[in-house]
């Protein structure tokens, strides 16, 4: 099931606002698996990102559901089954597929990948040691990083995913990508795990 975050409709945990949704990280054996709960969507008919963000709440053999663009197109969504690591969307007009199928790989687009874990390691934060054999939410990882790195405010950097037509990401992902960009620009003092 997929639905637009509207501060009214709630999931089975009672969550209804964009800030309530993010990604779960499963850390085990020096590997991180992700399960993403929120995504932007794009319409291949009007060539615009749909307003708002959409919650991915379970799949039925990968089928998530459909939403409608304000231009009248239907966007059919399919995601990886079990752990949501990607979503494919196809646009339909009058029951005919229109344009190209879009593939949104969350590991790459949300920077929840080995390159990012290595970047954290470069400043002294080893995600595999900190959360060995644990499941954590991305918001907890961000909270812990801000605390351990003494960051009061994350500078909001660009969050445009060029080539995908996506110009706005979920708030938690914007914060995550911005934190990584701060590390890349050496705006963050390395973490000393011994202090």
Foldseek 3Di string as FASTA:
>chain_A
DKDFQDQPDADPVRDRHLVVFAKKWFAEPNDIDIAHFKWWAAAPPVLAIAPGIMGQDADDCQWRAWDAGPVGWIWTWGADHPGGQKIWIFIDDPNHTDDDIDIGGCCPLLVVHPVLQVLLVVLPDRPCVVAYRHMDGLVVVLVVCCVQQVNPDQDQDFNCDPPRNDRDTRPSSSSVVSVSVCSVVVVTHRGDPVD
